[in-house]
Amino acid sequence: MRTAYLSLKHRKNKNQRPRIVAFIGSPLANENEAEVVKLGKILRKNNVAVDIISFGDSPRINSQILQAFIGAVDKDGTSHLLSLPPNECPPGGLSDALFSSPVLADESAPPSTSRPNGGVTAVDG
């Protein structure tokens, strides 16, 4: 997270809102909740949104620390935690779960409904 934040901080094009998307599929190496919450508060102070997709065995092991981190970094609902334990993953896998989650939703647009053809819109022309 620190490396991603430094990359965002020193980027050339600062017109877009900073956002970090992290995929976590294994236990965290750093399990110090106070340190993780402190990092979340720093990211919140600098208006960095964070989306975390926790899958595999990670939701069972990391859920408490990830929820604390998202609670610290979330500002006006801009950060999200998507937990997908192996037994609760949808039939389409990780991609279907992402498409139906707020992680990929445009914040300026109203929430979309799921489309029957997998989210693909056909255009006649």
Foldseek 3Di string as FASTA:
>chain_A
DVVLVVCLVPDDDVPDQAEAEEEAEDEDPDPPLVVLLVVLLVLQVVRYEYEYEYEECRCVHPVVSVVSSNVSNDDPNRYYYHYYYPVRADPVGPVLSVVQDCPPDDPVDDRDDQDPVGPDDDDDD
